[in-house]
Amino acid sequence: MTIVPPASGEPRRPSGPRDPGDAWVVADSGEKYWGRFGAAGLLAVDAERGILLQHRVSWSHFGDTWALPGGARHEYESARDGALRESAEEAGVPAGAIRSRFESVLDLGIWSYTTLVGDVVQPFEPVISDPESRALAWVPVDQVDDLPLHPAFADSWPRLRELLDVRPVVVVDVANVVGSVPDGWWKDRAGAARRLVERLERLSDRGMDAAALGLPETTWFPGFVAVVEGDGRSAADSSTPAVRVVAAERSGDDAIVAQTVELRATGHDVRVVTSDRELAGRVTDAGASVAGTSWLLGQLG
């Protein structure tokens, strides 16, 4: 493997000094891959308009094709941060407009490309801010195959498309989880619930191994529904964008089943965290998978 800096007419940052990651990785076979530290791109999904695609200029690598906004990662930069930075630079994607859903990684050993799939939570219009773009467009999912696609994106698109309907949510039996750890929760149930919500938010932000959720690809960023009951109900005010806290009016188990039914009806992939066998049977009948409290505590670290 060799590292080759960009020549004239090859991808560059729009302005400022060149980053050390802006270089070609050349395999022994002669194939070239852009990004010394790998590359990443964003597949932004808008529920109404489709996915955001970039029409690449003719002089770029595989020019006159449509692909995802993306590019070379910086050294020590996570794939997600790289995808979001590059999409901001190339398509004007605003900070906070995307909620990450999952990552898909193509790892060739000498080089890797990470596709970050994310949902648009704040609608925006893309802006051409990079000389590599001829056009930017929201393309309906069923029309993507009609375009001349970048070969690498064409290879990954069928697999990614199948996963666009997969929306994992973890429903947490908060009383069951906090009650499994003897840390004094009985003195302040609401406080214990809030601490758990904070940990769930951090877990959602850093992502979970796909295998732990029984899902394909590499990393998922699930949403969480935390159901609180009894003295823990006052923790309902601690909801965050990643963790929705639901206060059970009466039975916590009934509220968990109701949330499961509602989420399944809207197409979500639901996993319920509880070690209560009776509740586990009820949510399984409603179409959810079940994991015990030890599973979640292990994920929380």
Protein backbone atom coordinates (compact mmCIF):
# COMPACT_ATOMS: atom_id res chain seq x y z
CA MET A 1 0.00 0.00 0.00
CA THR A 2 1.21 3.49 -0.81
CA ILE A 3 -0.12 6.96 0.06
CA VAL A 4 -0.35 9.44 -2.82
CA PRO A 5 -1.31 13.13 -2.37
CA PRO A 6 -3.97 14.57 -4.69
CA ALA A 7 -2.97 15.81 -8.12
CA SER A 8 -4.64 18.58 -10.09
CA GLY A 9 -8.29 17.82 -10.77
CA GLU A 10 -8.60 15.37 -7.90
CA PRO A 11 -10.72 15.89 -4.75
CA ARG A 12 -9.59 18.67 -2.46
CA ARG A 13 -10.99 20.55 0.48
CA PRO A 14 -12.83 23.69 -0.68
CA SER A 15 -10.43 26.07 1.14
CA GLY A 16 -7.69 26.18 3.72
CA PRO A 17 -4.73 23.85 4.21
CA ARG A 18 -4.95 20.28 3.01
CA ASP A 19 -5.68 17.78 5.77
CA PRO A 20 -3.24 14.85 6.12
CA GLY A 21 -6.15 12.52 5.35
CA ASP A 22 -6.63 14.04 1.88
CA ALA A 23 -4.60 11.52 -0.07
CA TRP A 24 -5.10 8.42 -2.18
CA VAL A 25 -4.46 4.98 -0.75
CA VAL A 26 -3.13 2.81 -3.56
CA ALA A 27 -3.43 -0.95 -3.27
CA ASP A 28 -0.75 -3.30 -4.57
CA SER A 29 -3.14 -4.06 -7.44
CA GLY A 30 -3.09 -0.39 -8.44
CA GLU A 31 -6.65 0.42 -7.29
CA LYS A 32 -6.98 3.83 -5.63
CA TYR A 33 -9.12 4.74 -2.63
CA TRP A 34 -9.61 8.30 -1.40
CA GLY A 35 -8.74 9.01 2.24
CA ARG A 36 -5.57 8.10 4.08
CA PHE A 37 -7.60 7.36 7.24
CA GLY A 38 -10.58 5.97 5.37
CA ALA A 39 -13.64 7.82 4.15
CA ALA A 40 -17.24 8.32 5.21
CA GLY A 41 -20.48 9.55 3.71
CA LEU A 42 -24.00 10.41 4.81
CA LEU A 43 -27.16 8.73 3.58
CA ALA A 44 -29.72 11.27 4.82
CA VAL A 45 -33.28 9.92 4.85
CA ASP A 46 -36.17 12.37 4.65
CA ALA A 47 -39.52 10.68 5.24
CA GLU A 48 -41.25 12.90 2.66
CA ARG A 49 -38.58 13.58 0.03
CA GLY A 50 -36.35 10.51 -0.10
CA ILE A 51 -32.55 10.49 0.19
CA LEU A 52 -30.01 13.22 -0.47
CA LEU A 53 -27.71 12.54 -3.43
CA GLN A 54 -24.83 14.45 -4.98
CA HIS A 55 -24.26 14.63 -8.75
CA ARG A 56 -20.48 14.56 -9.06
CA VAL A 57 -18.65 16.75 -11.57
CA SER A 58 -17.11 15.09 -14.59
CA TRP A 59 -13.48 15.57 -13.51
CA SER A 60 -13.94 13.83 -10.15
CA HIS A 61 -13.31 10.15 -9.49
CA PHE A 62 -16.16 8.33 -11.29
CA GLY A 63 -17.48 11.70 -12.44
CA ASP A 64 -21.01 12.32 -13.77
CA THR A 65 -22.43 9.79 -11.34
CA TRP A 66 -24.70 10.19 -8.34
CA ALA A 67 -23.49 9.30 -4.86
CA LEU A 68 -23.63 10.31 -1.23
CA PRO A 69 -22.00 13.49 0.05
CA GLY A 70 -18.85 12.38 1.83
CA GLY A 71 -15.10 12.23 1.70
CA ALA A 72 -11.85 11.52 3.48
CA ARG A 73 -11.85 11.24 7.26
CA HIS A 74 -9.46 13.26 9.38
CA GLU A 75 -6.97 11.53 11.63
CA TYR A 76 -8.57 10.54 14.98
CA GLU A 77 -12.00 11.51 13.64
CA SER A 78 -14.84 9.04 14.13
CA ALA A 79 -16.63 7.82 11.02
CA ARG A 80 -19.86 9.49 12.14
CA ASP A 81 -18.16 12.83 12.75
CA GLY A 82 -16.43 12.55 9.38
CA ALA A 83 -19.67 11.82 7.54
CA LEU A 84 -21.44 14.74 9.20
CA ARG A 85 -18.52 17.13 8.60
CA GLU A 86 -18.17 16.15 4.95
CA SER A 87 -21.92 16.43 4.30
CA ALA A 88 -21.89 19.89 5.87
CA GLU A 89 -18.96 20.93 3.67
CA GLU A 90 -20.32 19.43 0.46
CA ALA A 91 -24.07 19.82 0.84
CA GLY A 92 -24.67 22.36 3.59
CA VAL A 93 -26.27 19.81 5.93
CA PRO A 94 -26.90 21.81 9.13
CA ALA A 95 -25.62 20.66 12.50
CA GLY A 96 -28.42 18.94 14.41
CA ALA A 97 -30.49 18.21 11.29
CA ILE A 98 -29.66 14.48 11.29
CA ARG A 99 -30.33 11.81 13.88
CA SER A 100 -27.99 8.86 13.34
CA ARG A 101 -29.64 5.49 12.80
CA PHE A 102 -26.87 3.07 11.81
CA GLU A 103 -23.44 2.71 10.25
CA SER A 104 -22.43 0.31 7.49
CA VAL A 105 -18.71 -0.31 7.00
CA LEU A 106 -16.89 -1.56 3.92
CA ASP A 107 -13.50 -2.66 5.27
CA LEU A 108 -10.88 -3.59 2.69
CA GLY A 109 -8.06 -3.91 5.20
CA ILE A 110 -5.95 -1.13 3.71
CA TRP A 111 -8.91 1.26 3.56
CA SER A 112 -12.49 1.52 4.77
CA TYR A 113 -15.62 3.45 3.86
CA THR A 114 -18.37 4.05 6.41
CA THR A 115 -21.90 4.96 5.38
CA LEU A 116 -23.80 6.77 8.11
CA VAL A 117 -27.54 6.38 7.65
CA GLY A 118 -29.45 9.09 9.46
CA ASP A 119 -32.97 10.49 9.64
CA VAL A 120 -33.72 14.13 8.91
CA VAL A 121 -35.20 15.61 12.10
CA GLN A 122 -34.94 19.24 10.98
CA PRO A 123 -35.88 19.69 7.29
CA PHE A 124 -33.36 21.65 5.21
CA GLU A 125 -32.49 22.46 1.62
CA PRO A 126 -29.02 21.32 0.51
CA VAL A 127 -26.55 23.92 -0.72
CA ILE A 128 -23.74 23.32 -3.20
CA SER A 129 -20.66 24.47 -1.35
CA ASP A 130 -18.00 22.26 -2.94
CA PRO A 131 -16.55 22.24 -6.47
CA GLU A 132 -17.10 18.47 -6.71
CA SER A 133 -20.88 18.88 -6.98
CA ARG A 134 -22.87 19.53 -10.15
CA ALA A 135 -26.16 19.22 -8.31
CA LEU A 136 -27.73 18.09 -5.05
CA ALA A 137 -31.19 16.57 -4.94
CA TRP A 138 -33.67 14.75 -2.77
CA VAL A 139 -34.41 11.57 -4.69
CA PRO A 140 -37.41 9.33 -3.89
CA VAL A 141 -36.20 5.91 -2.79
CA ASP A 142 -37.93 4.13 -5.66
CA GLN A 143 -36.20 6.40 -8.22
CA VAL A 144 -32.60 6.02 -7.05
CA ASP A 145 -31.95 3.05 -9.33
CA ASP A 146 -32.95 5.15 -12.36
CA LEU A 147 -29.82 7.33 -11.95
CA PRO A 148 -26.24 6.57 -13.06
CA LEU A 149 -24.83 5.71 -9.64
CA HIS A 150 -21.24 5.75 -8.43
CA PRO A 151 -20.16 2.07 -8.67
CA ALA A 152 -19.44 1.72 -4.95
CA PHE A 153 -22.77 3.26 -4.00
CA ALA A 154 -24.55 1.09 -6.58
CA ASP A 155 -23.06 -1.99 -4.91
CA SER A 156 -24.15 -0.98 -1.41
CA TRP A 157 -27.53 0.59 -2.23
CA PRO A 158 -29.64 -2.64 -2.44
CA ARG A 159 -28.49 -3.68 1.04
CA LEU A 160 -28.91 -0.22 2.52
CA ARG A 161 -32.33 0.20 0.95
CA GLU A 162 -33.59 -2.97 2.65
CA LEU A 163 -32.62 -1.49 6.01
CA LEU A 164 -34.32 1.89 5.58
CA ASP A 165 -37.48 0.49 7.17
CA VAL A 166 -35.63 -0.92 10.19
CA ARG A 167 -36.06 1.44 13.15
CA PRO A 168 -34.90 -0.13 16.42
CA VAL A 169 -36.31 1.05 19.73
CA VAL A 170 -35.42 -0.34 23.15
CA VAL A 171 -38.25 -0.17 25.70
CA VAL A 172 -36.89 -0.24 29.23
CA ASP A 173 -38.69 -1.48 32.34
CA VAL A 174 -36.99 1.15 34.50
CA ALA A 175 -38.18 -0.18 37.87
CA ASN A 176 -36.90 -3.63 36.97
CA VAL A 177 -33.51 -2.37 35.83
CA VAL A 178 -32.77 0.01 38.71
CA GLY A 179 -34.07 -2.57 41.19
CA SER A 180 -31.48 -5.07 40.00
CA VAL A 181 -28.57 -3.02 41.33
CA PRO A 182 -28.30 -2.46 45.12
CA ASP A 183 -27.13 1.15 44.96
CA GLY A 184 -29.67 2.73 47.30
CA TRP A 185 -32.31 3.27 44.65
CA TRP A 186 -35.06 2.65 47.23
CA LYS A 187 -34.18 5.95 48.92
CA ASP A 188 -34.74 7.98 45.74
CA ARG A 189 -36.53 6.09 42.97
CA ALA A 190 -36.98 9.17 40.79
CA GLY A 191 -33.29 10.03 41.09
CA ALA A 192 -32.30 6.48 40.18
CA ALA A 193 -34.60 6.64 37.15
CA ARG A 194 -33.04 9.92 36.02
CA ARG A 195 -29.55 8.50 36.32
CA LEU A 196 -30.58 5.55 34.17
CA VAL A 197 -32.06 7.89 31.55
CA GLU A 198 -28.75 9.79 31.40
CA ARG A 199 -26.87 6.55 30.84
CA LEU A 200 -29.33 5.48 28.14
CA GLU A 201 -28.81 8.77 26.34
CA ARG A 202 -25.05 8.28 26.34
CA LEU A 203 -25.49 4.73 25.06
CA SER A 204 -27.73 5.90 22.23
CA ASP A 205 -25.24 8.60 21.30
CA ARG A 206 -22.19 6.34 21.13
CA GLY A 207 -24.10 3.55 19.41
CA MET A 208 -24.52 -0.16 20.00
CA ASP A 209 -22.94 -3.14 18.34
CA ALA A 210 -25.35 -4.45 15.71
CA ALA A 211 -24.97 -8.05 16.93
CA ALA A 212 -26.14 -7.02 20.40
CA LEU A 213 -29.43 -5.89 18.85
CA GLY A 214 -29.70 -8.86 16.51
CA LEU A 215 -29.39 -6.55 13.51
CA PRO A 216 -27.10 -6.52 10.44
CA GLU A 217 -24.29 -4.04 9.67
CA THR A 218 -21.96 -2.71 12.37
CA THR A 219 -23.33 -0.02 14.70
CA TRP A 220 -26.86 1.16 15.47
CA PHE A 221 -28.04 4.24 17.37
CA PRO A 222 -31.42 3.09 18.74
CA GLY A 223 -34.02 5.23 20.38
CA PHE A 224 -35.09 4.37 23.92
CA VAL A 225 -38.44 4.45 25.70
CA ALA A 226 -38.04 4.39 29.47
CA VAL A 227 -41.23 3.48 31.35
CA VAL A 228 -41.38 4.69 34.95
CA GLU A 229 -44.00 3.93 37.57
CA GLY A 230 -44.85 4.60 41.21
CA ASP A 231 -42.41 6.86 43.02
CA GLY A 232 -40.30 7.07 39.88
CA ARG A 233 -43.01 8.83 37.90
CA SER A 234 -41.59 12.29 38.57
CA ALA A 235 -38.64 11.34 36.36
CA ALA A 236 -40.93 11.76 33.35
CA ASP A 237 -39.59 15.30 32.97
CA SER A 238 -36.15 13.94 32.07
CA SER A 239 -37.00 12.97 28.48
CA THR A 240 -34.35 13.73 25.87
CA PRO A 241 -34.31 13.49 22.05
CA ALA A 242 -32.85 9.99 22.35
CA VAL A 243 -34.77 8.77 25.41
CA ARG A 244 -38.51 9.28 25.77
CA VAL A 245 -39.65 8.81 29.36
CA VAL A 246 -43.20 7.53 29.83
CA ALA A 247 -44.94 7.71 33.21
CA ALA A 248 -47.31 4.78 33.71
CA GLU A 249 -50.69 5.92 34.98
CA ARG A 250 -51.23 2.66 36.82
CA SER A 251 -49.44 -0.58 35.99
CA GLY A 252 -45.94 -0.21 34.59
CA ASP A 253 -46.31 -3.57 32.85
CA ASP A 254 -49.48 -2.44 31.09
CA ALA A 255 -47.75 0.76 29.95
CA ILE A 256 -44.81 -1.24 28.56
CA VAL A 257 -47.15 -3.52 26.62
CA ALA A 258 -49.05 -0.49 25.29
CA GLN A 259 -45.81 1.16 24.15
CA THR A 260 -44.74 -2.08 22.48
CA VAL A 261 -48.01 -2.41 20.58
CA GLU A 262 -47.89 1.23 19.48
CA LEU A 263 -44.29 1.05 18.30
CA ARG A 264 -44.81 -2.22 16.45
CA ALA A 265 -47.85 -0.71 14.70
CA THR A 266 -45.65 2.10 13.37
CA GLY A 267 -43.06 -0.30 11.99
CA HIS A 268 -40.42 -0.17 14.72
CA ASP A 269 -38.19 -3.08 15.67
CA VAL A 270 -38.80 -3.34 19.43
CA ARG A 271 -36.68 -4.90 22.14
CA VAL A 272 -38.03 -4.81 25.69
CA VAL A 273 -35.61 -4.90 28.61
CA THR A 274 -37.09 -6.69 31.60
CA SER A 275 -36.41 -9.73 33.75
CA ASP A 276 -40.10 -10.13 34.60
CA ARG A 277 -41.15 -13.41 32.99
CA GLU A 278 -44.84 -12.60 32.80
CA LEU A 279 -44.17 -9.24 31.15
CA ALA A 280 -41.66 -10.87 28.81
CA GLY A 281 -44.37 -13.25 27.61
CA ARG A 282 -46.83 -10.42 27.03
CA VAL A 283 -44.47 -8.30 24.93
CA THR A 284 -43.27 -11.33 23.00
CA ASP A 285 -46.88 -11.96 22.02
CA ALA A 286 -47.01 -8.32 20.87
CA GLY A 287 -44.09 -8.90 18.48
CA ALA A 288 -41.11 -7.66 20.52
CA SER A 289 -37.87 -9.38 21.39
CA VAL A 290 -36.81 -9.47 25.04
CA ALA A 291 -33.53 -8.94 26.85
CA GLY A 292 -32.87 -9.21 30.57
CA THR A 293 -31.62 -6.42 32.79
CA SER A 294 -28.09 -7.88 32.77
CA TRP A 295 -27.98 -7.43 28.99
CA LEU A 296 -28.70 -3.71 29.28
CA LEU A 297 -26.32 -3.21 32.21
CA GLY A 298 -23.61 -4.84 30.13
CA GLN A 299 -24.31 -2.48 27.24
CA LEU A 300 -24.23 0.50 29.56
CA GLY A 301 -20.80 -0.54 30.74
